[in-house]
Amino acid sequence: MAKKALINRESKREALAIKYAAKREAIFAVINDESATAEERFEARLKFQSIPRNAMPVRQRRRCALTGRPRGTFRKFGLARTKVREIAMRGEIPGVIKSSW
């Protein structure tokens, strides 16, 4: 089980990313607009730097929904590999069976 502080930090980052999403998109529109003047684009870059770092979606980490484990997480299930294995062994994931040959 991951530390509660790390799990809470991730949830805080997720909330910040949602909060600043519209502002970030508006600033990116100005930065990528080729018809804008160089001064406008420079001001947009300065505004972009004023957004908190943790508001960037890139800084988020996928974690297991049950344990909070940061590594070995399956995107399809949102669970760590160990939990996927446990749940699959109990037969709770449809279509997933233990291989045997």
PDB file of N, CA and C in Angstrom:
ATOM      1  N   MET A   1       0.843  -1.177   0.000  1.00  0.00           N
ATOM      2  CA  MET A   1       0.000   0.000   0.000  1.00  0.00           C
ATOM      3  C   MET A   1       0.887   1.239   0.000  1.00  0.00           C
ATOM      4  N   ALA A   2       0.593   2.159  -0.884  1.00  0.00           N
ATOM      5  CA  ALA A   2       1.383   3.383  -0.982  1.00  0.00           C
ATOM      6  C   ALA A   2       1.040   4.320   0.184  1.00  0.00           C
ATOM      7  N   LYS A   3       1.953   5.236   0.449  1.00  0.00           N
ATOM      8  CA  LYS A   3       1.710   6.210   1.505  1.00  0.00           C
ATOM      9  C   LYS A   3       0.520   7.083   1.136  1.00  0.00           C
ATOM     10  N   LYS A   4      -0.266   7.431   2.120  1.00  0.00           N
ATOM     11  CA  LYS A   4      -1.456   8.266   1.888  1.00  0.00           C
ATOM     12  C   LYS A   4      -1.057   9.635   1.341  1.00  0.00           C
ATOM     13  N   ALA A   5       0.089  10.137   1.778  1.00  0.00           N
ATOM     14  CA  ALA A   5       0.538  11.458   1.322  1.00  0.00           C
ATOM     15  C   ALA A   5       0.779  11.453  -0.187  1.00  0.00           C
ATOM     16  N   LEU A   6       1.348  10.355  -0.704  1.00  0.00           N
ATOM     17  CA  LEU A   6       1.617  10.283  -2.142  1.00  0.00           C
ATOM     18  C   LEU A   6       0.332  10.161  -2.942  1.00  0.00           C
ATOM     19  N   ILE A   7      -0.613   9.403  -2.427  1.00  0.00           N
ATOM     20  CA  ILE A   7      -1.905   9.265  -3.100  1.00  0.00           C
ATOM     21  C   ILE A   7      -2.641  10.597  -3.101  1.00  0.00           C
ATOM     22  N   ASN A   8      -2.601  11.312  -1.962  1.00  0.00           N
ATOM     23  CA  ASN A   8      -3.253  12.625  -1.875  1.00  0.00           C
ATOM     24  C   ASN A   8      -2.585  13.637  -2.796  1.00  0.00           C
ATOM     25  N   ARG A   9      -1.270  13.549  -2.941  1.00  0.00           N
ATOM     26  CA  ARG A   9      -0.544  14.453  -3.829  1.00  0.00           C
ATOM     27  C   ARG A   9      -1.008  14.263  -5.274  1.00  0.00           C
ATOM     28  N   GLU A  10      -1.202  13.017  -5.662  1.00  0.00           N
ATOM     29  CA  GLU A  10      -1.677  12.729  -7.022  1.00  0.00           C
ATOM     30  C   GLU A  10      -3.082  13.266  -7.243  1.00  0.00           C
ATOM     31  N   SER A  11      -3.939  13.114  -6.253  1.00  0.00           N
ATOM     32  CA  SER A  11      -5.306  13.622  -6.407  1.00  0.00           C
ATOM     33  C   SER A  11      -5.314  15.150  -6.473  1.00  0.00           C
ATOM     34  N   LYS A  12      -4.390  15.782  -5.743  1.00  0.00           N
ATOM     35  CA  LYS A  12      -4.270  17.236  -5.799  1.00  0.00           C
ATOM     36  C   LYS A  12      -3.808  17.683  -7.180  1.00  0.00           C
ATOM     37  N   ARG A  13      -2.855  16.946  -7.751  1.00  0.00           N
ATOM     38  CA  ARG A  13      -2.384  17.266  -9.103  1.00  0.00           C
ATOM     39  C   ARG A  13      -3.504  17.110 -10.125  1.00  0.00           C
ATOM     40  N   GLU A  14      -4.309  16.084  -9.961  1.00  0.00           N
ATOM     41  CA  GLU A  14      -5.417  15.862 -10.884  1.00  0.00           C
ATOM     42  C   GLU A  14      -6.426  17.009 -10.811  1.00  0.00           C
ATOM     43  N   ALA A  15      -6.735  17.455  -9.602  1.00  0.00           N
ATOM     44  CA  ALA A  15      -7.675  18.561  -9.431  1.00  0.00           C
ATOM     45  C   ALA A  15      -7.121  19.852 -10.026  1.00  0.00           C
ATOM     46  N   LEU A  16      -5.833  20.103  -9.829  1.00  0.00           N
ATOM     47  CA  LEU A  16      -5.217  21.308 -10.394  1.00  0.00           C
ATOM     48  C   LEU A  16      -5.223  21.282 -11.917  1.00  0.00           C
ATOM     49  N   ALA A  17      -4.974  20.116 -12.498  1.00  0.00           N
ATOM     50  CA  ALA A  17      -4.967  20.000 -13.959  1.00  0.00           C
ATOM     51  C   ALA A  17      -6.344  20.307 -14.521  1.00  0.00           C
ATOM     52  N   ILE A  18      -7.381  19.847 -13.851  1.00  0.00           N
ATOM     53  CA  ILE A  18      -8.747  20.130 -14.302  1.00  0.00           C
ATOM     54  C   ILE A  18      -9.067  21.614 -14.142  1.00  0.00           C
ATOM     55  N   LYS A  19      -8.626  22.186 -13.031  1.00  0.00           N
ATOM     56  CA  LYS A  19      -8.904  23.595 -12.744  1.00  0.00           C
ATOM     57  C   LYS A  19      -8.283  24.532 -13.789  1.00  0.00           C
ATOM     58  N   TYR A  20      -7.053  24.243 -14.185  1.00  0.00           N
ATOM     59  CA  TYR A  20      -6.327  25.132 -15.091  1.00  0.00           C
ATOM     60  C   TYR A  20      -6.414  24.699 -16.563  1.00  0.00           C
ATOM     61  N   ALA A  21      -7.224  23.710 -16.894  1.00  0.00           N
ATOM     62  CA  ALA A  21      -7.272  23.190 -18.260  1.00  0.00           C
ATOM     63  C   ALA A  21      -7.698  24.261 -19.273  1.00  0.00           C
ATOM     64  N   ALA A  22      -8.743  25.006 -18.965  1.00  0.00           N
ATOM     65  CA  ALA A  22      -9.244  26.023 -19.900  1.00  0.00           C
ATOM     66  C   ALA A  22      -8.214  27.136 -20.094  1.00  0.00           C
ATOM     67  N   LYS A  23      -7.598  27.575 -19.013  1.00  0.00           N
ATOM     68  CA  LYS A  23      -6.588  28.638 -19.092  1.00  0.00           C
ATOM     69  C   LYS A  23      -5.389  28.173 -19.920  1.00  0.00           C
ATOM     70  N   ARG A  24      -4.975  26.916 -19.698  1.00  0.00           N
ATOM     71  CA  ARG A  24      -3.843  26.368 -20.427  1.00  0.00           C
ATOM     72  C   ARG A  24      -4.145  26.287 -21.929  1.00  0.00           C
ATOM     73  N   GLU A  25      -5.359  25.864 -22.280  1.00  0.00           N
ATOM     74  CA  GLU A  25      -5.739  25.769 -23.690  1.00  0.00           C
ATOM     75  C   GLU A  25      -5.763  27.148 -24.350  1.00  0.00           C
ATOM     76  N   ALA A  26      -6.281  28.152 -23.641  1.00  0.00           N
ATOM     77  CA  ALA A  26      -6.332  29.505 -24.194  1.00  0.00           C
ATOM     78  C   ALA A  26      -4.926  30.053 -24.437  1.00  0.00           C
ATOM     79  N   ILE A  27      -4.028  29.810 -23.506  1.00  0.00           N
ATOM     80  CA  ILE A  27      -2.654  30.289 -23.660  1.00  0.00           C
ATOM     81  C   ILE A  27      -1.959  29.561 -24.805  1.00  0.00           C
ATOM     82  N   PHE A  28      -2.173  28.248 -24.909  1.00  0.00           N
ATOM     83  CA  PHE A  28      -1.577  27.491 -26.014  1.00  0.00           C
ATOM     84  C   PHE A  28      -2.086  27.964 -27.366  1.00  0.00           C
ATOM     85  N   ALA A  29      -3.353  28.384 -27.412  1.00  0.00           N
ATOM     86  CA  ALA A  29      -3.916  28.880 -28.673  1.00  0.00           C
ATOM     87  C   ALA A  29      -3.165  30.125 -29.133  1.00  0.00           C
ATOM     88  N   VAL A  30      -2.819  31.003 -28.206  1.00  0.00           N
ATOM     89  CA  VAL A  30      -2.084  32.222 -28.553  1.00  0.00           C
ATOM     90  C   VAL A  30      -0.638  31.874 -28.936  1.00  0.00           C
ATOM     91  N   ILE A  31      -0.028  30.982 -28.181  1.00  0.00           N
ATOM     92  CA  ILE A  31       1.367  30.616 -28.452  1.00  0.00           C
ATOM     93  C   ILE A  31       1.507  29.977 -29.828  1.00  0.00           C
ATOM     94  N   ASN A  32       0.564  29.124 -30.195  1.00  0.00           N
ATOM     95  CA  ASN A  32       0.642  28.403 -31.472  1.00  0.00           C
ATOM     96  C   ASN A  32       0.054  29.176 -32.641  1.00  0.00           C
ATOM     97  N   ASP A  33      -0.547  30.331 -32.382  1.00  0.00           N
ATOM     98  CA  ASP A  33      -1.139  31.140 -33.450  1.00  0.00           C
ATOM     99  C   ASP A  33      -0.035  31.884 -34.196  1.00  0.00           C
ATOM    100  N   GLU A  34       0.167  31.524 -35.428  1.00  0.00           N
ATOM    101  CA  GLU A  34       1.245  32.133 -36.217  1.00  0.00           C
ATOM    102  C   GLU A  34       0.934  33.563 -36.644  1.00  0.00           C
ATOM    103  N   SER A  35      -0.354  33.923 -36.647  1.00  0.00           N
ATOM    104  CA  SER A  35      -0.717  35.280 -37.058  1.00  0.00           C
ATOM    105  C   SER A  35      -0.545  36.289 -35.913  1.00  0.00           C
ATOM    106  N   ALA A  36      -0.357  35.821 -34.697  1.00  0.00           N
ATOM    107  CA  ALA A  36      -0.151  36.715 -33.552  1.00  0.00           C
ATOM    108  C   ALA A  36       1.250  37.329 -33.626  1.00  0.00           C
ATOM    109  N   THR A  37       1.375  38.506 -33.045  1.00  0.00           N
ATOM    110  CA  THR A  37       2.675  39.169 -33.064  1.00  0.00           C
ATOM    111  C   THR A  37       3.624  38.475 -32.089  1.00  0.00           C
ATOM    112  N   ALA A  38       4.899  38.771 -32.248  1.00  0.00           N
ATOM    113  CA  ALA A  38       5.916  38.157 -31.393  1.00  0.00           C
ATOM    114  C   ALA A  38       5.734  38.586 -29.936  1.00  0.00           C
ATOM    115  N   GLU A  39       5.313  39.848 -29.727  1.00  0.00           N
ATOM    116  CA  GLU A  39       5.120  40.328 -28.363  1.00  0.00           C
ATOM    117  C   GLU A  39       3.968  39.603 -27.678  1.00  0.00           C
ATOM    118  N   GLU A  40       2.871  39.384 -28.418  1.00  0.00           N
ATOM    119  CA  GLU A  40       1.722  38.675 -27.849  1.00  0.00           C
ATOM    120  C   GLU A  40       2.104  37.239 -27.477  1.00  0.00           C
ATOM    121  N   ARG A  41       2.851  36.604 -28.351  1.00  0.00           N
ATOM    122  CA  ARG A  41       3.264  35.228 -28.079  1.00  0.00           C
ATOM    123  C   ARG A  41       4.223  35.167 -26.890  1.00  0.00           C
ATOM    124  N   PHE A  42       5.095  36.155 -26.769  1.00  0.00           N
ATOM    125  CA  PHE A  42       6.017  36.200 -25.641  1.00  0.00           C
ATOM    126  C   PHE A  42       5.257  36.395 -24.321  1.00  0.00           C
ATOM    127  N   GLU A  43       4.250  37.294 -24.343  1.00  0.00           N
ATOM    128  CA  GLU A  43       3.430  37.509 -23.145  1.00  0.00           C
ATOM    129  C   GLU A  43       2.674  36.232 -22.772  1.00  0.00           C
ATOM    130  N   ALA A  44       2.212  35.503 -23.790  1.00  0.00           N
ATOM    131  CA  ALA A  44       1.507  34.246 -23.527  1.00  0.00           C
ATOM    132  C   ALA A  44       2.447  33.230 -22.883  1.00  0.00           C
ATOM    133  N   ARG A  45       3.696  33.210 -23.321  1.00  0.00           N
ATOM    134  CA  ARG A  45       4.678  32.297 -22.707  1.00  0.00           C
ATOM    135  C   ARG A  45       4.925  32.663 -21.241  1.00  0.00           C
ATOM    136  N   LEU A  46       4.962  33.957 -20.951  1.00  0.00           N
ATOM    137  CA  LEU A  46       5.138  34.384 -19.564  1.00  0.00           C
ATOM    138  C   LEU A  46       3.933  33.990 -18.712  1.00  0.00           C
ATOM    139  N   LYS A  47       2.727  34.120 -19.273  1.00  0.00           N
ATOM    140  CA  LYS A  47       1.522  33.703 -18.552  1.00  0.00           C
ATOM    141  C   LYS A  47       1.547  32.196 -18.316  1.00  0.00           C
ATOM    142  N   PHE A  48       2.033  31.480 -19.313  1.00  0.00           N
ATOM    143  CA  PHE A  48       2.102  30.017 -19.191  1.00  0.00           C
ATOM    144  C   PHE A  48       3.032  29.617 -18.059  1.00  0.00           C
ATOM    145  N   GLN A  49       4.109  30.366 -17.865  1.00  0.00           N
ATOM    146  CA  GLN A  49       5.054  30.070 -16.791  1.00  0.00           C
ATOM    147  C   GLN A  49       4.464  30.368 -15.407  1.00  0.00           C
ATOM    148  N   SER A  50       3.424  31.209 -15.363  1.00  0.00           N
ATOM    149  CA  SER A  50       2.820  31.542 -14.070  1.00  0.00           C
ATOM    150  C   SER A  50       1.860  30.462 -13.576  1.00  0.00           C
ATOM    151  N   ILE A  51       1.471  29.535 -14.453  1.00  0.00           N
ATOM    152  CA  ILE A  51       0.601  28.420 -14.043  1.00  0.00           C
ATOM    153  C   ILE A  51       1.423  27.486 -13.158  1.00  0.00           C
ATOM    154  N   PRO A  52       0.837  26.963 -12.086  1.00  0.00           N
ATOM    155  CA  PRO A  52       1.583  26.041 -11.212  1.00  0.00           C
ATOM    156  C   PRO A  52       2.061  24.810 -11.961  1.00  0.00           C
ATOM    157  N   ARG A  53       3.226  24.321 -11.597  1.00  0.00           N
ATOM    158  CA  ARG A  53       3.792  23.157 -12.280  1.00  0.00           C
ATOM    159  C   ARG A  53       2.917  21.918 -12.121  1.00  0.00           C
ATOM    160  N   ASN A  54       2.341  21.760 -10.954  1.00  0.00           N
ATOM    161  CA  ASN A  54       1.529  20.579 -10.711  1.00  0.00           C
ATOM    162  C   ASN A  54       0.192  20.620 -11.435  1.00  0.00           C
ATOM    163  N   ALA A  55      -0.091  21.708 -12.145  1.00  0.00           N
ATOM    164  CA  ALA A  55      -1.321  21.801 -12.928  1.00  0.00           C
ATOM    165  C   ALA A  55      -1.150  21.174 -14.310  1.00  0.00           C
ATOM    166  N   MET A  56       0.050  20.705 -14.617  1.00  0.00           N
ATOM    167  CA  MET A  56       0.289  20.078 -15.907  1.00  0.00           C
ATOM    168  C   MET A  56      -0.084  18.598 -15.842  1.00  0.00           C
ATOM    169  N   PRO A  57      -0.862  18.108 -16.806  1.00  0.00           N
ATOM    170  CA  PRO A  57      -1.250  16.696 -16.793  1.00  0.00           C
ATOM    171  C   PRO A  57      -0.062  15.751 -16.924  1.00  0.00           C
ATOM    172  N   VAL A  58       1.031  16.248 -17.487  1.00  0.00           N
ATOM    173  CA  VAL A  58       2.226  15.421 -17.678  1.00  0.00           C
ATOM    174  C   VAL A  58       2.830  14.995 -16.337  1.00  0.00           C
ATOM    175  N   ARG A  59       2.609  15.764 -15.296  1.00  0.00           N
ATOM    176  CA  ARG A  59       3.212  15.463 -14.001  1.00  0.00           C
ATOM    177  C   ARG A  59       2.415  14.427 -13.201  1.00  0.00           C
ATOM    178  N   GLN A  60       1.264  14.027 -13.735  1.00  0.00           N
ATOM    179  CA  GLN A  60       0.464  13.023 -13.038  1.00  0.00           C
ATOM    180  C   GLN A  60       1.044  11.637 -13.277  1.00  0.00           C
ATOM    181  N   ARG A  61       0.792  10.772 -12.314  1.00  0.00           N
ATOM    182  CA  ARG A  61       1.286   9.404 -12.390  1.00  0.00           C
ATOM    183  C   ARG A  61       0.103   8.459 -12.268  1.00  0.00           C
ATOM    184  N   ARG A  62       0.049   7.448 -13.142  1.00  0.00           N
ATOM    185  CA  ARG A  62      -1.021   6.461 -13.027  1.00  0.00           C
ATOM    186  C   ARG A  62      -0.750   5.582 -11.824  1.00  0.00           C
ATOM    187  N   ARG A  63      -1.742   5.419 -10.974  1.00  0.00           N
ATOM    188  CA  ARG A  63      -1.599   4.587  -9.785  1.00  0.00           C
ATOM    189  C   ARG A  63      -2.727   3.577  -9.739  1.00  0.00           C
ATOM    190  N   CYS A  64      -2.466   2.485  -9.034  1.00  0.00           N
ATOM    191  CA  CYS A  64      -3.469   1.452  -8.827  1.00  0.00           C
ATOM    192  C   CYS A  64      -4.632   2.048  -8.038  1.00  0.00           C
ATOM    193  N   ALA A  65      -5.856   1.749  -8.468  1.00  0.00           N
ATOM    194  CA  ALA A  65      -7.032   2.289  -7.789  1.00  0.00           C
ATOM    195  C   ALA A  65      -7.219   1.676  -6.408  1.00  0.00           C
ATOM    196  N   LEU A  66      -6.724   0.469  -6.198  1.00  0.00           N
ATOM    197  CA  LEU A  66      -6.915  -0.211  -4.912  1.00  0.00           C
ATOM    198  C   LEU A  66      -5.770   0.046  -3.938  1.00  0.00           C
ATOM    199  N   THR A  67      -4.539  -0.065  -4.413  1.00  0.00           N
ATOM    200  CA  THR A  67      -3.391   0.016  -3.516  1.00  0.00           C
ATOM    201  C   THR A  67      -2.614   1.317  -3.623  1.00  0.00           C
ATOM    202  N   GLY A  68      -2.716   2.018  -4.737  1.00  0.00           N
ATOM    203  CA  GLY A  68      -1.947   3.244  -4.935  1.00  0.00           C
ATOM    204  C   GLY A  68      -0.555   2.991  -5.473  1.00  0.00           C
ATOM    205  N   ARG A  69      -0.272   1.740  -5.853  1.00  0.00           N
ATOM    206  CA  ARG A  69       1.055   1.395  -6.372  1.00  0.00           C
ATOM    207  C   ARG A  69       1.314   2.153  -7.682  1.00  0.00           C
ATOM    208  N   PRO A  70       2.482   2.835  -7.801  1.00  0.00           N
ATOM    209  CA  PRO A  70       2.735   3.650  -8.978  1.00  0.00           C
ATOM    210  C   PRO A  70       3.275   2.885 -10.187  1.00  0.00           C
ATOM    211  N   ARG A  71       3.862   1.721  -9.960  1.00  0.00           N
ATOM    212  CA  ARG A  71       4.483   0.993 -11.064  1.00  0.00           C
ATOM    213  C   ARG A  71       3.711  -0.282 -11.362  1.00  0.00           C
ATOM    214  N   GLY A  72       3.841  -0.735 -12.595  1.00  0.00           N
ATOM    215  CA  GLY A  72       3.195  -1.977 -12.985  1.00  0.00           C
ATOM    216  C   GLY A  72       1.686  -1.851 -13.032  1.00  0.00           C
ATOM    217  N   THR A  73       1.183  -0.699 -13.480  1.00  0.00           N
ATOM    218  CA  THR A  73      -0.249  -0.462 -13.530  1.00  0.00           C
ATOM    219  C   THR A  73      -0.763  -0.677 -14.946  1.00  0.00           C
ATOM    220  N   PHE A  74      -1.814  -1.480 -15.073  1.00  0.00           N
ATOM    221  CA  PHE A  74      -2.448  -1.716 -16.370  1.00  0.00           C
ATOM    222  C   PHE A  74      -3.426  -0.587 -16.640  1.00  0.00           C
ATOM    223  N   ARG A  75      -3.292   0.053 -17.799  1.00  0.00           N
ATOM    224  CA  ARG A  75      -4.194   1.144 -18.146  1.00  0.00           C
ATOM    225  C   ARG A  75      -5.622   0.648 -18.321  1.00  0.00           C
ATOM    226  N   LYS A  76      -5.757  -0.521 -18.901  1.00  0.00           N
ATOM    227  CA  LYS A  76      -7.074  -1.060 -19.208  1.00  0.00           C
ATOM    228  C   LYS A  76      -7.914  -1.244 -17.947  1.00  0.00           C
ATOM    229  N   PHE A  77      -7.288  -1.674 -16.872  1.00  0.00           N
ATOM    230  CA  PHE A  77      -8.010  -1.953 -15.638  1.00  0.00           C
ATOM    231  C   PHE A  77      -7.826  -0.866 -14.581  1.00  0.00           C
ATOM    232  N   GLY A  78      -6.743  -0.110 -14.654  1.00  0.00           N
ATOM    233  CA  GLY A  78      -6.451   0.883 -13.631  1.00  0.00           C
ATOM    234  C   GLY A  78      -5.969   0.252 -12.339  1.00  0.00           C
ATOM    235  N   LEU A  79      -5.437  -0.967 -12.456  1.00  0.00           N
ATOM    236  CA  LEU A  79      -4.973  -1.706 -11.292  1.00  0.00           C
ATOM    237  C   LEU A  79      -3.532  -2.134 -11.485  1.00  0.00           C
ATOM    238  N   ALA A  80      -2.868  -2.384 -10.360  1.00  0.00           N
ATOM    239  CA  ALA A  80      -1.497  -2.891 -10.403  1.00  0.00           C
ATOM    240  C   ALA A  80      -1.518  -4.340 -10.861  1.00  0.00           C
ATOM    241  N   ARG A  81      -0.397  -4.801 -11.357  1.00  0.00           N
ATOM    242  CA  ARG A  81      -0.304  -6.153 -11.916  1.00  0.00           C
ATOM    243  C   ARG A  81      -0.659  -7.220 -10.899  1.00  0.00           C
ATOM    244  N   THR A  82      -0.288  -6.992  -9.636  1.00  0.00           N
ATOM    245  CA  THR A  82      -0.588  -7.991  -8.610  1.00  0.00           C
ATOM    246  C   THR A  82      -2.086  -8.087  -8.350  1.00  0.00           C
ATOM    247  N   LYS A  83      -2.760  -6.954  -8.330  1.00  0.00           N
ATOM    248  CA  LYS A  83      -4.203  -6.949  -8.096  1.00  0.00           C
ATOM    249  C   LYS A  83      -4.956  -7.517  -9.296  1.00  0.00           C
ATOM    250  N   VAL A  84      -4.459  -7.243 -10.501  1.00  0.00           N
ATOM    251  CA  VAL A  84      -5.092  -7.820 -11.695  1.00  0.00           C
ATOM    252  C   VAL A  84      -5.000  -9.338 -11.625  1.00  0.00           C
ATOM    253  N   ARG A  85      -3.858  -9.827 -11.202  1.00  0.00           N
ATOM    254  CA  ARG A  85      -3.661 -11.278 -11.109  1.00  0.00           C
ATOM    255  C   ARG A  85      -4.588 -11.888 -10.061  1.00  0.00           C
ATOM    256  N   GLU A  86      -4.685 -11.247  -8.895  1.00  0.00           N
ATOM    257  CA  GLU A  86      -5.551 -11.757  -7.834  1.00  0.00           C
ATOM    258  C   GLU A  86      -7.011 -11.796  -8.274  1.00  0.00           C
ATOM    259  N   ILE A  87      -7.469 -10.716  -8.879  1.00  0.00           N
ATOM    260  CA  ILE A  87      -8.867 -10.626  -9.292  1.00  0.00           C
ATOM    261  C   ILE A  87      -9.154 -11.596 -10.436  1.00  0.00           C
ATOM    262  N   ALA A  88      -8.193 -11.738 -11.347  1.00  0.00           N
ATOM    263  CA  ALA A  88      -8.376 -12.676 -12.461  1.00  0.00           C
ATOM    264  C   ALA A  88      -8.426 -14.117 -11.951  1.00  0.00           C
ATOM    265  N   MET A  89      -7.628 -14.445 -10.952  1.00  0.00           N
ATOM    266  CA  MET A  89      -7.637 -15.799 -10.391  1.00  0.00           C
ATOM    267  C   MET A  89      -8.974 -16.124  -9.740  1.00  0.00           C
ATOM    268  N   ARG A  90      -9.622 -15.123  -9.169  1.00  0.00           N
ATOM    269  CA  ARG A  90     -10.936 -15.338  -8.576  1.00  0.00           C
ATOM    270  C   ARG A  90     -12.036 -15.399  -9.629  1.00  0.00           C
ATOM    271  N   GLY A  91     -11.669 -15.052 -10.900  1.00  0.00           N
ATOM    272  CA  GLY A  91     -12.642 -15.104 -11.990  1.00  0.00           C
ATOM    273  C   GLY A  91     -13.555 -13.903 -12.053  1.00  0.00           C
ATOM    274  N   GLU A  92     -13.135 -12.775 -11.511  1.00  0.00           N
ATOM    275  CA  GLU A  92     -13.974 -11.580 -11.473  1.00  0.00           C
ATOM    276  C   GLU A  92     -13.782 -10.675 -12.676  1.00  0.00           C
ATOM    277  N   ILE A  93     -12.791 -10.968 -13.531  1.00  0.00           N
ATOM    278  CA  ILE A  93     -12.594 -10.192 -14.758  1.00  0.00           C
ATOM    279  C   ILE A  93     -13.077 -11.058 -15.903  1.00  0.00           C
ATOM    280  N   PRO A  94     -14.144 -10.647 -16.593  1.00  0.00           N
ATOM    281  CA  PRO A  94     -14.662 -11.479 -17.669  1.00  0.00           C
ATOM    282  C   PRO A  94     -13.681 -11.584 -18.825  1.00  0.00           C
ATOM    283  N   GLY A  95     -13.512 -12.790 -19.337  1.00  0.00           N
ATOM    284  CA  GLY A  95     -12.663 -13.019 -20.491  1.00  0.00           C
ATOM    285  C   GLY A  95     -11.205 -13.262 -20.168  1.00  0.00           C
ATOM    286  N   VAL A  96     -10.816 -13.125 -18.916  1.00  0.00           N
ATOM    287  CA  VAL A  96      -9.428 -13.348 -18.520  1.00  0.00           C
ATOM    288  C   VAL A  96      -9.356 -14.700 -17.807  1.00  0.00           C
ATOM    289  N   ILE A  97      -8.527 -15.588 -18.366  1.00  0.00           N
ATOM    290  CA  ILE A  97      -8.378 -16.902 -17.754  1.00  0.00           C
ATOM    291  C   ILE A  97      -6.900 -17.207 -17.600  1.00  0.00           C
ATOM    292  N   LYS A  98      -6.604 -18.129 -16.693  1.00  0.00           N
ATOM    293  CA  LYS A  98      -5.223 -18.551 -16.487  1.00  0.00           C
ATOM    294  C   LYS A  98      -4.813 -19.426 -17.656  1.00  0.00           C
ATOM    295  N   SER A  99      -3.648 -19.138 -18.200  1.00  0.00           N
ATOM    296  CA  SER A  99      -3.208 -19.919 -19.350  1.00  0.00           C
ATOM    297  C   SER A  99      -2.651 -21.254 -18.888  1.00  0.00           C
ATOM    298  N   SER A 100      -2.885 -22.261 -19.714  1.00  0.00           N
ATOM    299  CA  SER A 100      -2.298 -23.586 -19.436  1.00  0.00           C
ATOM    300  C   SER A 100      -2.075 -24.271 -20.763  1.00  0.00           C
ATOM    301  N   TRP A 101      -0.969 -24.959 -20.888  1.00  0.00           N
ATOM    302  CA  TRP A 101      -0.665 -25.642 -22.146  1.00  0.00           C
ATOM    303  C   TRP A 101       0.091 -26.927 -21.891  1.00  0.00           C
TER     304      TRP A 101
END
